[in-house]
Amino acid sequence: MTRSQRLRPIASIKKKEQLNSARILNEAVNELQKQELRLDELTRYRDDYLNKFQQLSNTSASIERVRHYQQFIARLDQSMLLLKQRIVETKQRVETKKLDWKRARARSDAFDKVVDRYREEEHQLAEKRRQKETDDHAQRSGNAGLTS
């Protein structure tokens, strides 16, 4: 078994690791996008509710109703704050997963290059061997014609 053949399974494993790392990175990016969309939705919802609250303040609404709006807006603010913190954490996780993927890709590429280099060396050696056999055969054939 040649060196390139011995390394192919390892290169294949490294390629699978890279693909798995890319999948994990993609999942983290998708999660981040979902969280950012959710924050946008909450922000729009809070803004709408705040506008309604301001309109309500201009009317003769009951104190209980005004308090309800204030409490609900405060809960929305709290939810948005928690989601913003989660987004920061997810962004950090995305960056970590991106570095993991880059490292996995570099290892996979390195093994691919080594396998390719070994394969090329083996091909060149095989060519030299064939050429030597052809030269030896031609020389034997030439010598055989001289002795007859």
Protein backbone atom coordinates (compact mmCIF):
# COMPACT_ATOMS: atom_id res chain seq x y z
CA MET A 1 0.00 0.00 0.00
CA THR A 2 1.41 3.39 -0.98
CA ARG A 3 1.80 6.35 1.35
CA SER A 4 -0.97 8.23 -0.45
CA GLN A 5 -3.31 5.25 -0.05
CA ARG A 6 -2.50 5.01 3.66
CA LEU A 7 -3.26 8.71 4.15
CA ARG A 8 -6.50 8.81 2.14
CA PRO A 9 -8.68 7.54 5.03
CA ILE A 10 -7.23 10.20 7.33
CA ALA A 11 -7.80 12.88 4.70
CA SER A 12 -11.37 11.62 4.35
CA ILE A 13 -11.88 11.85 8.12
CA LYS A 14 -10.49 15.40 8.12
CA LYS A 15 -12.84 16.33 5.27
CA LYS A 16 -15.81 14.95 7.26
CA GLU A 17 -14.67 16.90 10.32
CA GLN A 18 -14.53 20.06 8.21
CA LEU A 19 -18.02 19.44 6.82
CA ASN A 20 -19.36 18.77 10.30
CA SER A 21 -17.72 21.95 11.57
CA ALA A 22 -19.28 23.88 8.67
CA ARG A 23 -22.70 22.42 9.53
CA ILE A 24 -22.33 23.47 13.18
CA LEU A 25 -21.26 26.97 12.10
CA ASN A 26 -24.26 27.20 9.80
CA GLU A 27 -26.59 26.19 12.63
CA ALA A 28 -25.09 28.87 14.89
CA VAL A 29 -25.48 31.51 12.15
CA ASN A 30 -29.10 30.46 11.60
CA GLU A 31 -29.77 30.70 15.33
CA LEU A 32 -28.26 34.19 15.41
CA GLN A 33 -30.45 35.26 12.48
CA LYS A 34 -33.56 33.91 14.23
CA GLN A 35 -32.69 35.81 17.40
CA GLU A 36 -32.08 39.03 15.49
CA LEU A 37 -35.40 38.65 13.67
CA ARG A 38 -37.13 38.03 16.99
CA LEU A 39 -35.53 41.18 18.42
CA ASP A 40 -36.72 43.17 15.40
CA GLU A 41 -40.24 41.82 15.92
CA LEU A 42 -40.17 42.66 19.62
CA THR A 43 -38.85 46.15 18.86
CA ARG A 44 -41.64 46.82 16.36
CA TYR A 45 -44.23 45.38 18.74
CA ARG A 46 -42.89 47.52 21.62
CA ASP A 47 -42.89 50.64 19.43
CA ASP A 48 -46.49 49.97 18.39
CA TYR A 49 -47.49 49.43 21.99
CA LEU A 50 -45.64 52.60 23.04
CA ASN A 51 -47.52 54.59 20.39
CA LYS A 52 -50.80 53.18 21.66
CA PHE A 53 -49.77 54.07 25.20
CA GLN A 54 -49.00 57.66 24.17
CA GLN A 55 -52.37 57.89 22.46
CA LEU A 56 -54.00 56.43 25.55
CA SER A 57 -52.27 59.01 27.74
CA ASN A 58 -53.96 61.79 25.74
CA THR A 59 -57.37 60.33 26.51
CA SER A 60 -59.14 59.93 29.78
CA ALA A 61 -58.10 56.31 30.28
CA SER A 62 -58.28 54.70 33.68
CA ILE A 63 -55.18 54.57 35.86
CA GLU A 64 -55.39 50.80 35.86
CA ARG A 65 -55.28 50.68 32.08
CA VAL A 66 -52.34 53.10 31.94
CA ARG A 67 -50.50 51.01 34.56
CA HIS A 68 -51.20 47.87 32.53
CA TYR A 69 -49.59 49.46 29.45
CA GLN A 70 -46.57 50.61 31.51
CA GLN A 71 -46.08 47.15 33.00
CA PHE A 72 -46.42 45.46 29.64
CA ILE A 73 -43.92 47.85 28.03
CA ALA A 74 -41.51 47.23 30.92
CA ARG A 75 -41.84 43.45 30.36
CA LEU A 76 -41.16 43.94 26.66
CA ASP A 77 -38.09 46.05 27.51
CA GLN A 78 -36.86 43.30 29.85
CA SER A 79 -37.43 40.63 27.20
CA MET A 80 -35.57 42.72 24.64
CA LEU A 81 -32.66 43.22 27.05
CA LEU A 82 -32.40 39.47 27.67
CA LEU A 83 -32.59 38.76 23.96
CA LYS A 84 -29.86 41.32 23.25
CA GLN A 85 -27.64 39.57 25.80
CA ARG A 86 -28.38 36.22 24.16
CA ILE A 87 -27.54 37.71 20.75
CA VAL A 88 -24.14 38.87 22.06
CA GLU A 89 -23.48 35.36 23.39
CA THR A 90 -24.60 33.80 20.11
CA LYS A 91 -22.34 36.15 18.13
CA GLN A 92 -19.43 35.01 20.28
CA ARG A 93 -20.41 31.38 19.67
CA VAL A 94 -20.59 32.05 15.92
CA GLU A 95 -17.07 33.51 15.99
CA THR A 96 -15.80 30.49 17.93
CA LYS A 97 -17.48 28.11 15.48
CA LYS A 98 -16.03 30.09 12.58
CA LEU A 99 -12.53 29.66 14.00
CA ASP A 100 -13.20 25.94 14.57
CA TRP A 101 -14.32 25.60 10.95
CA LYS A 102 -11.28 27.48 9.63
CA ARG A 103 -8.96 25.21 11.62
CA ALA A 104 -10.78 22.10 10.40
CA ARG A 105 -10.60 23.36 6.82
CA ALA A 106 -6.88 24.08 7.17
CA ARG A 107 -6.24 20.55 8.51
CA SER A 108 -8.31 19.02 5.75
CA ASP A 109 -6.56 21.08 3.07
CA ALA A 110 -3.16 20.17 4.53
CA PHE A 111 -3.93 16.45 4.40
CA ASP A 112 -5.28 16.79 0.86
CA LYS A 113 -2.05 18.51 -0.21
CA VAL A 114 0.10 15.82 1.41
CA VAL A 115 -1.92 13.06 -0.28
CA ASP A 116 -1.68 14.89 -3.62
CA ARG A 117 2.07 15.38 -3.20
CA TYR A 118 2.59 11.71 -2.32
CA ARG A 119 0.41 10.65 -5.25
CA GLU A 120 2.43 12.86 -7.61
CA GLU A 121 5.72 11.47 -6.25
CA GLU A 122 4.39 7.94 -6.68
CA HIS A 123 3.30 8.76 -10.23
CA GLN A 124 6.74 10.17 -11.06
CA LEU A 125 8.46 7.10 -9.60
CA ALA A 126 6.18 4.82 -11.59
CA GLU A 127 6.97 6.80 -14.75
CA LYS A 128 10.70 6.52 -14.09
CA ARG A 129 10.30 2.78 -13.49
CA ARG A 130 8.36 2.35 -16.74
CA GLN A 131 10.92 4.40 -18.63
CA LYS A 132 13.76 2.34 -17.15
CA GLU A 133 11.96 -0.89 -18.09
CA THR A 134 11.38 0.43 -21.60
CA ASP A 135 15.04 1.46 -21.89
CA ASP A 136 16.21 -1.92 -20.52
CA HIS A 137 13.91 -3.75 -22.91
CA ALA A 138 15.12 -1.67 -25.84
CA GLN A 139 18.73 -2.27 -24.84
CA ARG A 140 18.19 -6.04 -24.52
CA SER A 141 16.41 -6.09 -27.85
CA GLY A 142 19.25 -4.15 -29.44
CA ASN A 143 21.87 -6.41 -27.93
CA ALA A 144 19.98 -9.51 -29.01
CA GLY A 145 20.05 -8.28 -32.62
CA LEU A 146 23.82 -7.73 -32.48
CA THR A 147 24.65 -11.24 -31.27
CA SER A 148 22.80 -13.02 -34.00
